[in-house]
């Protein structure tokens, strides 16, 4: 069985990459709306900083058991969102 922190880091990387791809895809589709409403562009640095802080806290401050529980909750939440939305 792999280390929960390694699993969390790998999962976080793929979720983060997928989220960025989604943001850029949406930006390309709605350029006129972005020019009027800068909120998506403003949120990109916030998301990057939050991901870095979360990665630091998760790797250094949380126990493996807590990381495992948090990742489980996140993955179940994402699954439910995909099913119902």
PDB file of N, CA and C in Angstrom:
ATOM      1  N   UNK A   1       0.853  -1.179   0.000  1.00  0.00           N
ATOM      2  CA  UNK A   1       0.000   0.000   0.000  1.00  0.00           C
ATOM      3  C   UNK A   1       0.894   1.236   0.000  1.00  0.00           C
ATOM      4  N   UNK A   2       0.511   2.227  -0.779  1.00  0.00           N
ATOM      5  CA  UNK A   2       1.339   3.426  -0.882  1.00  0.00           C
ATOM      6  C   UNK A   2       1.113   4.360   0.304  1.00  0.00           C
ATOM      7  N   UNK A   3       2.040   5.252   0.460  1.00  0.00           N
ATOM      8  CA  UNK A   3       1.999   6.259   1.508  1.00  0.00           C
ATOM      9  C   UNK A   3       0.838   7.224   1.220  1.00  0.00           C
ATOM     10  N   UNK A   4      -0.029   7.500   2.207  1.00  0.00           N
ATOM     11  CA  UNK A   4      -1.164   8.412   1.967  1.00  0.00           C
ATOM     12  C   UNK A   4      -0.733   9.803   1.508  1.00  0.00           C
ATOM     13  N   UNK A   5       0.399  10.286   1.984  1.00  0.00           N
ATOM     14  CA  UNK A   5       0.845  11.620   1.572  1.00  0.00           C
ATOM     15  C   UNK A   5       1.268  11.626   0.105  1.00  0.00           C
ATOM     16  N   UNK A   6       1.885  10.528  -0.353  1.00  0.00           N
ATOM     17  CA  UNK A   6       2.240  10.424  -1.767  1.00  0.00           C
ATOM     18  C   UNK A   6       0.981  10.366  -2.618  1.00  0.00           C
ATOM     19  N   UNK A   7       0.011   9.585  -2.160  1.00  0.00           N
ATOM     20  CA  UNK A   7      -1.265   9.489  -2.868  1.00  0.00           C
ATOM     21  C   UNK A   7      -1.954  10.851  -2.912  1.00  0.00           C
ATOM     22  N   UNK A   8      -1.952  11.556  -1.800  1.00  0.00           N
ATOM     23  CA  UNK A   8      -2.587  12.876  -1.739  1.00  0.00           C
ATOM     24  C   UNK A   8      -1.891  13.858  -2.675  1.00  0.00           C
ATOM     25  N   UNK A   9      -0.566  13.838  -2.683  1.00  0.00           N
ATOM     26  CA  UNK A   9       0.177  14.753  -3.551  1.00  0.00           C
ATOM     27  C   UNK A   9      -0.102  14.459  -5.020  1.00  0.00           C
ATOM     28  N   UNK A  10      -0.117  13.179  -5.372  1.00  0.00           N
ATOM     29  CA  UNK A  10      -0.388  12.797  -6.756  1.00  0.00           C
ATOM     30  C   UNK A  10      -1.803  13.177  -7.158  1.00  0.00           C
ATOM     31  N   UNK A  11      -2.761  12.885  -6.297  1.00  0.00           N
ATOM     32  CA  UNK A  11      -4.158  13.220  -6.577  1.00  0.00           C
ATOM     33  C   UNK A  11      -4.338  14.723  -6.708  1.00  0.00           C
ATOM     34  N   UNK A  12      -3.728  15.466  -5.805  1.00  0.00           N
ATOM     35  CA  UNK A  12      -3.834  16.921  -5.835  1.00  0.00           C
ATOM     36  C   UNK A  12      -3.259  17.485  -7.126  1.00  0.00           C
ATOM     37  N   UNK A  13      -2.124  16.934  -7.560  1.00  0.00           N
ATOM     38  CA  UNK A  13      -1.508  17.401  -8.807  1.00  0.00           C
ATOM     39  C   UNK A  13      -2.455  17.210  -9.985  1.00  0.00           C
ATOM     40  N   UNK A  14      -3.062  16.025 -10.088  1.00  0.00           N
ATOM     41  CA  UNK A  14      -3.955  15.765 -11.211  1.00  0.00           C
ATOM     42  C   UNK A  14      -5.232  16.598 -11.129  1.00  0.00           C
ATOM     43  N   UNK A  15      -5.783  16.770  -9.937  1.00  0.00           N
ATOM     44  CA  UNK A  15      -6.978  17.600  -9.787  1.00  0.00           C
ATOM     45  C   UNK A  15      -6.655  19.052 -10.140  1.00  0.00           C
ATOM     46  N   UNK A  16      -5.513  19.540  -9.670  1.00  0.00           N
ATOM     47  CA  UNK A  16      -5.094  20.907  -9.962  1.00  0.00           C
ATOM     48  C   UNK A  16      -4.894  21.102 -11.466  1.00  0.00           C
ATOM     49  N   UNK A  17      -4.207  20.141 -12.114  1.00  0.00           N
ATOM     50  CA  UNK A  17      -3.976  20.233 -13.560  1.00  0.00           C
ATOM     51  C   UNK A  17      -5.293  20.222 -14.328  1.00  0.00           C
ATOM     52  N   UNK A  18      -6.194  19.354 -13.929  1.00  0.00           N
ATOM     53  CA  UNK A  18      -7.498  19.274 -14.583  1.00  0.00           C
ATOM     54  C   UNK A  18      -8.287  20.567 -14.383  1.00  0.00           C
ATOM     55  N   UNK A  19      -8.209  21.133 -13.197  1.00  0.00           N
ATOM     56  CA  UNK A  19      -8.913  22.389 -12.918  1.00  0.00           C
ATOM     57  C   UNK A  19      -8.365  23.528 -13.770  1.00  0.00           C
ATOM     58  N   UNK A  20      -7.047  23.608 -13.883  1.00  0.00           N
ATOM     59  CA  UNK A  20      -6.457  24.652 -14.727  1.00  0.00           C
ATOM     60  C   UNK A  20      -6.872  24.480 -16.181  1.00  0.00           C
ATOM     61  N   UNK A  21      -6.878  23.238 -16.660  1.00  0.00           N
ATOM     62  CA  UNK A  21      -7.303  22.991 -18.042  1.00  0.00           C
ATOM     63  C   UNK A  21      -8.752  23.434 -18.238  1.00  0.00           C
ATOM     64  N   UNK A  22      -9.601  23.160 -17.260  1.00  0.00           N
ATOM     65  CA  UNK A  22     -10.997  23.582 -17.341  1.00  0.00           C
ATOM     66  C   UNK A  22     -11.143  25.090 -17.348  1.00  0.00           C
ATOM     67  N   UNK A  23     -10.348  25.748 -16.510  1.00  0.00           N
ATOM     68  CA  UNK A  23     -10.395  27.214 -16.460  1.00  0.00           C
ATOM     69  C   UNK A  23      -9.978  27.801 -17.804  1.00  0.00           C
ATOM     70  N   UNK A  24      -8.873  27.300 -18.361  1.00  0.00           N
ATOM     71  CA  UNK A  24      -8.395  27.840 -19.632  1.00  0.00           C
ATOM     72  C   UNK A  24      -9.357  27.526 -20.775  1.00  0.00           C
ATOM     73  N   UNK A  25      -9.982  26.365 -20.733  1.00  0.00           N
ATOM     74  CA  UNK A  25     -10.975  26.017 -21.745  1.00  0.00           C
ATOM     75  C   UNK A  25     -12.163  26.971 -21.679  1.00  0.00           C
ATOM     76  N   UNK A  26     -12.622  27.236 -20.476  1.00  0.00           N
ATOM     77  CA  UNK A  26     -13.755  28.150 -20.307  1.00  0.00           C
ATOM     78  C   UNK A  26     -13.359  29.564 -20.729  1.00  0.00           C
ATOM     79  N   UNK A  27     -12.139  29.958 -20.420  1.00  0.00           N
ATOM     80  CA  UNK A  27     -11.677  31.290 -20.816  1.00  0.00           C
ATOM     81  C   UNK A  27     -11.716  31.431 -22.334  1.00  0.00           C
ATOM     82  N   UNK A  28     -11.257  30.400 -23.043  1.00  0.00           N
ATOM     83  CA  UNK A  28     -11.263  30.468 -24.508  1.00  0.00           C
ATOM     84  C   UNK A  28     -12.667  30.549 -25.076  1.00  0.00           C
ATOM     85  N   UNK A  29     -13.650  29.976 -24.393  1.00  0.00           N
ATOM     86  CA  UNK A  29     -15.024  29.992 -24.891  1.00  0.00           C
ATOM     87  C   UNK A  29     -15.745  31.304 -24.595  1.00  0.00           C
ATOM     88  N   UNK A  30     -15.336  31.982 -23.531  1.00  0.00           N
ATOM     89  CA  UNK A  30     -16.094  33.168 -23.120  1.00  0.00           C
ATOM     90  C   UNK A  30     -15.214  34.404 -22.994  1.00  0.00           C
ATOM     91  N   UNK A  31     -14.296  34.570 -23.941  1.00  0.00           N
ATOM     92  CA  UNK A  31     -13.405  35.735 -23.914  1.00  0.00           C
ATOM     93  C   UNK A  31     -14.174  37.053 -23.778  1.00  0.00           C
ATOM     94  N   UNK A  32     -15.249  37.294 -24.525  1.00  0.00           N
ATOM     95  CA  UNK A  32     -15.955  38.579 -24.352  1.00  0.00           C
ATOM     96  C   UNK A  32     -16.462  38.788 -22.926  1.00  0.00           C
ATOM     97  N   UNK A  33     -16.953  37.727 -22.304  1.00  0.00           N
ATOM     98  CA  UNK A  33     -17.452  37.866 -20.935  1.00  0.00           C
ATOM     99  C   UNK A  33     -16.308  38.148 -19.973  1.00  0.00           C
ATOM    100  N   UNK A  34     -15.145  37.569 -20.231  1.00  0.00           N
ATOM    101  CA  UNK A  34     -14.002  37.797 -19.347  1.00  0.00           C
ATOM    102  C   UNK A  34     -13.530  39.243 -19.446  1.00  0.00           C
ATOM    103  N   UNK A  35     -13.573  39.784 -20.640  1.00  0.00           N
ATOM    104  CA  UNK A  35     -13.154  41.174 -20.783  1.00  0.00           C
ATOM    105  C   UNK A  35     -14.060  42.104 -19.991  1.00  0.00           C
ATOM    106  N   UNK A  36     -15.320  41.719 -19.844  1.00  0.00           N
ATOM    107  CA  UNK A  36     -16.249  42.512 -19.049  1.00  0.00           C
ATOM    108  C   UNK A  36     -16.158  42.177 -17.568  1.00  0.00           C
ATOM    109  N   UNK A  37     -15.855  40.927 -17.262  1.00  0.00           N
ATOM    110  CA  UNK A  37     -15.848  40.467 -15.874  1.00  0.00           C
ATOM    111  C   UNK A  37     -14.526  39.760 -15.594  1.00  0.00           C
ATOM    112  N   UNK A  38     -13.649  40.398 -14.857  1.00  0.00           N
ATOM    113  CA  UNK A  38     -12.296  39.896 -14.632  1.00  0.00           C
ATOM    114  C   UNK A  38     -12.193  38.894 -13.491  1.00  0.00           C
ATOM    115  N   UNK A  39     -13.292  38.390 -12.971  1.00  0.00           N
ATOM    116  CA  UNK A  39     -13.235  37.560 -11.766  1.00  0.00           C
ATOM    117  C   UNK A  39     -12.482  36.254 -11.978  1.00  0.00           C
ATOM    118  N   UNK A  40     -12.620  35.605 -13.133  1.00  0.00           N
ATOM    119  CA  UNK A  40     -11.923  34.338 -13.363  1.00  0.00           C
ATOM    120  C   UNK A  40     -10.419  34.564 -13.380  1.00  0.00           C
ATOM    121  N   UNK A  41      -9.976  35.592 -14.079  1.00  0.00           N
ATOM    122  CA  UNK A  41      -8.549  35.890 -14.132  1.00  0.00           C
ATOM    123  C   UNK A  41      -8.030  36.250 -12.747  1.00  0.00           C
ATOM    124  N   UNK A  42      -8.817  36.938 -11.963  1.00  0.00           N
ATOM    125  CA  UNK A  42      -8.424  37.306 -10.607  1.00  0.00           C
ATOM    126  C   UNK A  42      -8.305  36.077  -9.720  1.00  0.00           C
ATOM    127  N   UNK A  43      -9.144  35.082  -9.939  1.00  0.00           N
ATOM    128  CA  UNK A  43      -9.141  33.896  -9.087  1.00  0.00           C
ATOM    129  C   UNK A  43      -7.995  32.933  -9.374  1.00  0.00           C
ATOM    130  N   UNK A  44      -7.398  32.981 -10.555  1.00  0.00           N
ATOM    131  CA  UNK A  44      -6.325  32.041 -10.887  1.00  0.00           C
ATOM    132  C   UNK A  44      -5.168  32.139  -9.898  1.00  0.00           C
ATOM    133  N   UNK A  45      -4.612  33.324  -9.605  1.00  0.00           N
ATOM    134  CA  UNK A  45      -3.524  33.380  -8.623  1.00  0.00           C
ATOM    135  C   UNK A  45      -3.966  32.937  -7.226  1.00  0.00           C
ATOM    136  N   UNK A  46      -5.207  33.227  -6.871  1.00  0.00           N
ATOM    137  CA  UNK A  46      -5.723  32.810  -5.564  1.00  0.00           C
ATOM    138  C   UNK A  46      -5.743  31.289  -5.471  1.00  0.00           C
ATOM    139  N   UNK A  47      -6.185  30.628  -6.531  1.00  0.00           N
ATOM    140  CA  UNK A  47      -6.237  29.166  -6.545  1.00  0.00           C
ATOM    141  C   UNK A  47      -4.829  28.581  -6.476  1.00  0.00           C
ATOM    142  N   UNK A  48      -3.888  29.168  -7.194  1.00  0.00           N
ATOM    143  CA  UNK A  48      -2.506  28.681  -7.169  1.00  0.00           C
ATOM    144  C   UNK A  48      -1.922  28.811  -5.769  1.00  0.00           C
ATOM    145  N   UNK A  49      -2.094  29.954  -5.137  1.00  0.00           N
ATOM    146  CA  UNK A  49      -1.575  30.161  -3.780  1.00  0.00           C
ATOM    147  C   UNK A  49      -2.241  29.204  -2.794  1.00  0.00           C
ATOM    148  N   UNK A  50      -3.552  29.025  -2.909  1.00  0.00           N
ATOM    149  CA  UNK A  50      -4.260  28.098  -2.017  1.00  0.00           C
ATOM    150  C   UNK A  50      -3.760  26.671  -2.202  1.00  0.00           C
ATOM    151  N   UNK A  51      -3.486  26.270  -3.441  1.00  0.00           N
ATOM    152  CA  UNK A  51      -2.965  24.922  -3.696  1.00  0.00           C
ATOM    153  C   UNK A  51      -1.581  24.746  -3.075  1.00  0.00           C
ATOM    154  N   UNK A  52      -0.742  25.762  -3.176  1.00  0.00           N
ATOM    155  CA  UNK A  52       0.598  25.677  -2.583  1.00  0.00           C
ATOM    156  C   UNK A  52       0.535  25.613  -1.059  1.00  0.00           C
ATOM    157  N   UNK A  53      -0.300  26.442  -0.467  1.00  0.00           N
ATOM    158  CA  UNK A  53      -0.448  26.432   0.994  1.00  0.00           C
ATOM    159  C   UNK A  53      -1.030  25.100   1.456  1.00  0.00           C
ATOM    160  N   UNK A  54      -2.058  24.625   0.771  1.00  0.00           N
ATOM    161  CA  UNK A  54      -2.658  23.341   1.126  1.00  0.00           C
ATOM    162  C   UNK A  54      -1.677  22.192   0.991  1.00  0.00           C
ATOM    163  N   UNK A  55      -0.868  22.217  -0.054  1.00  0.00           N
ATOM    164  CA  UNK A  55       0.153  21.187  -0.229  1.00  0.00           C
ATOM    165  C   UNK A  55       1.183  21.211   0.884  1.00  0.00           C
ATOM    166  N   UNK A  56       1.579  22.406   1.295  1.00  0.00           N
ATOM    167  CA  UNK A  56       2.550  22.539   2.385  1.00  0.00           C
ATOM    168  C   UNK A  56       1.970  22.026   3.699  1.00  0.00           C
ATOM    169  N   UNK A  57       0.769  22.457   4.017  1.00  0.00           N
ATOM    170  CA  UNK A  57       0.129  22.023   5.264  1.00  0.00           C
ATOM    171  C   UNK A  57      -0.105  20.517   5.246  1.00  0.00           C
ATOM    172  N   UNK A  58      -0.600  20.012   4.121  1.00  0.00           N
ATOM    173  CA  UNK A  58      -0.886  18.584   4.023  1.00  0.00           C
ATOM    174  C   UNK A  58       0.347  17.720   4.143  1.00  0.00           C
ATOM    175  N   UNK A  59       1.465  18.182   3.611  1.00  0.00           N
ATOM    176  CA  UNK A  59       2.668  17.355   3.637  1.00  0.00           C
ATOM    177  C   UNK A  59       3.445  17.463   4.941  1.00  0.00           C
ATOM    178  N   UNK A  60       3.306  18.559   5.653  1.00  0.00           N
ATOM    179  CA  UNK A  60       4.141  18.749   6.842  1.00  0.00           C
ATOM    180  C   UNK A  60       3.385  18.767   8.166  1.00  0.00           C
ATOM    181  N   UNK A  61       2.138  19.168   8.146  1.00  0.00           N
ATOM    182  CA  UNK A  61       1.427  19.389   9.410  1.00  0.00           C
ATOM    183  C   UNK A  61       0.406  18.313   9.753  1.00  0.00           C
ATOM    184  N   UNK A  62      -0.130  17.605   8.756  1.00  0.00           N
ATOM    185  CA  UNK A  62      -1.190  16.635   9.008  1.00  0.00           C
ATOM    186  C   UNK A  62      -0.632  15.219   9.088  1.00  0.00           C
ATOM    187  N   UNK A  63      -1.254  14.406   9.920  1.00  0.00           N
ATOM    188  CA  UNK A  63      -0.859  12.999  10.001  1.00  0.00           C
ATOM    189  C   UNK A  63      -1.352  12.263   8.758  1.00  0.00           C
ATOM    190  N   UNK A  64      -0.774  11.092   8.510  1.00  0.00           N
ATOM    191  CA  UNK A  64      -1.176  10.307   7.345  1.00  0.00           C
ATOM    192  C   UNK A  64      -2.648   9.918   7.417  1.00  0.00           C
ATOM    193  N   UNK A  65      -3.129   9.612   8.601  1.00  0.00           N
ATOM    194  CA  UNK A  65      -4.534   9.234   8.760  1.00  0.00           C
ATOM    195  C   UNK A  65      -5.464  10.399   8.407  1.00  0.00           C
ATOM    196  N   UNK A  66      -5.118  11.598   8.859  1.00  0.00           N
ATOM    197  CA  UNK A  66      -5.943  12.772   8.531  1.00  0.00           C
ATOM    198  C   UNK A  66      -5.912  13.081   7.037  1.00  0.00           C
ATOM    199  N   UNK A  67      -4.736  12.943   6.423  1.00  0.00           N
ATOM    200  CA  UNK A  67      -4.626  13.166   4.978  1.00  0.00           C
ATOM    201  C   UNK A  67      -5.506  12.169   4.234  1.00  0.00           C
ATOM    202  N   UNK A  68      -5.482  10.915   4.665  1.00  0.00           N
ATOM    203  CA  UNK A  68      -6.302   9.875   4.040  1.00  0.00           C
ATOM    204  C   UNK A  68      -7.789  10.219   4.146  1.00  0.00           C
ATOM    205  N   UNK A  69      -8.226  10.677   5.307  1.00  0.00           N
ATOM    206  CA  UNK A  69      -9.636  11.035   5.493  1.00  0.00           C
ATOM    207  C   UNK A  69     -10.033  12.231   4.628  1.00  0.00           C
ATOM    208  N   UNK A  70      -9.181  13.244   4.591  1.00  0.00           N
ATOM    209  CA  UNK A  70      -9.477  14.445   3.805  1.00  0.00           C
ATOM    210  C   UNK A  70      -9.565  14.112   2.320  1.00  0.00           C
ATOM    211  N   UNK A  71      -8.603  13.330   1.816  1.00  0.00           N
ATOM    212  CA  UNK A  71      -8.632  12.942   0.404  1.00  0.00           C
ATOM    213  C   UNK A  71      -9.878  12.117   0.102  1.00  0.00           C
ATOM    214  N   UNK A  72     -10.255  11.240   1.023  1.00  0.00           N
ATOM    215  CA  UNK A  72     -11.477  10.452   0.837  1.00  0.00           C
ATOM    216  C   UNK A  72     -12.708  11.330   0.729  1.00  0.00           C
ATOM    217  N   UNK A  73     -12.809  12.309   1.609  1.00  0.00           N
ATOM    218  CA  UNK A  73     -13.951  13.233   1.580  1.00  0.00           C
ATOM    219  C   UNK A  73     -13.965  14.036   0.278  1.00  0.00           C
ATOM    220  N   UNK A  74     -12.802  14.506  -0.139  1.00  0.00           N
ATOM    221  CA  UNK A  74     -12.717  15.287  -1.378  1.00  0.00           C
ATOM    222  C   UNK A  74     -13.129  14.444  -2.580  1.00  0.00           C
ATOM    223  N   UNK A  75     -12.615  13.215  -2.663  1.00  0.00           N
ATOM    224  CA  UNK A  75     -12.937  12.366  -3.810  1.00  0.00           C
ATOM    225  C   UNK A  75     -14.410  11.974  -3.842  1.00  0.00           C
ATOM    226  N   UNK A  76     -14.992  11.697  -2.686  1.00  0.00           N
ATOM    227  CA  UNK A  76     -16.424  11.389  -2.634  1.00  0.00           C
ATOM    228  C   UNK A  76     -17.238  12.613  -3.049  1.00  0.00           C
ATOM    229  N   UNK A  77     -16.837  13.794  -2.579  1.00  0.00           N
ATOM    230  CA  UNK A  77     -17.545  15.029  -2.952  1.00  0.00           C
ATOM    231  C   UNK A  77     -17.478  15.271  -4.454  1.00  0.00           C
ATOM    232  N   UNK A  78     -16.299  15.083  -5.035  1.00  0.00           N
ATOM    233  CA  UNK A  78     -16.148  15.269  -6.479  1.00  0.00           C
ATOM    234  C   UNK A  78     -17.008  14.258  -7.235  1.00  0.00           C
ATOM    235  N   UNK A  79     -17.010  13.012  -6.767  1.00  0.00           N
ATOM    236  CA  UNK A  79     -17.844  11.994  -7.398  1.00  0.00           C
ATOM    237  C   UNK A  79     -19.316  12.352  -7.358  1.00  0.00           C
ATOM    238  N   UNK A  80     -19.782  12.835  -6.216  1.00  0.00           N
ATOM    239  CA  UNK A  80     -21.188  13.239  -6.097  1.00  0.00           C
ATOM    240  C   UNK A  80     -21.514  14.421  -7.007  1.00  0.00           C
ATOM    241  N   UNK A  81     -20.585  15.367  -7.094  1.00  0.00           N
ATOM    242  CA  UNK A  81     -20.804  16.504  -7.997  1.00  0.00           C
ATOM    243  C   UNK A  81     -20.900  16.042  -9.446  1.00  0.00           C
ATOM    244  N   UNK A  82     -20.043  15.096  -9.824  1.00  0.00           N
ATOM    245  CA  UNK A  82     -20.087  14.588 -11.195  1.00  0.00           C
ATOM    246  C   UNK A  82     -21.388  13.846 -11.483  1.00  0.00           C
ATOM    247  N   UNK A  83     -21.895  13.142 -10.491  1.00  0.00           N
ATOM    248  CA  UNK A  83     -23.132  12.380 -10.680  1.00  0.00           C
ATOM    249  C   UNK A  83     -24.345  13.303 -10.763  1.00  0.00           C
ATOM    250  N   UNK A  84     -24.431  14.269  -9.862  1.00  0.00           N
ATOM    251  CA  UNK A  84     -25.649  15.071  -9.738  1.00  0.00           C
ATOM    252  C   UNK A  84     -25.622  16.400 -10.483  1.00  0.00           C
ATOM    253  N   UNK A  85     -24.485  16.838 -10.966  1.00  0.00           N
ATOM    254  CA  UNK A  85     -24.428  18.105 -11.695  1.00  0.00           C
ATOM    255  C   UNK A  85     -23.828  17.839 -13.034  1.00  0.00           C
TER     256      UNK A  85
END
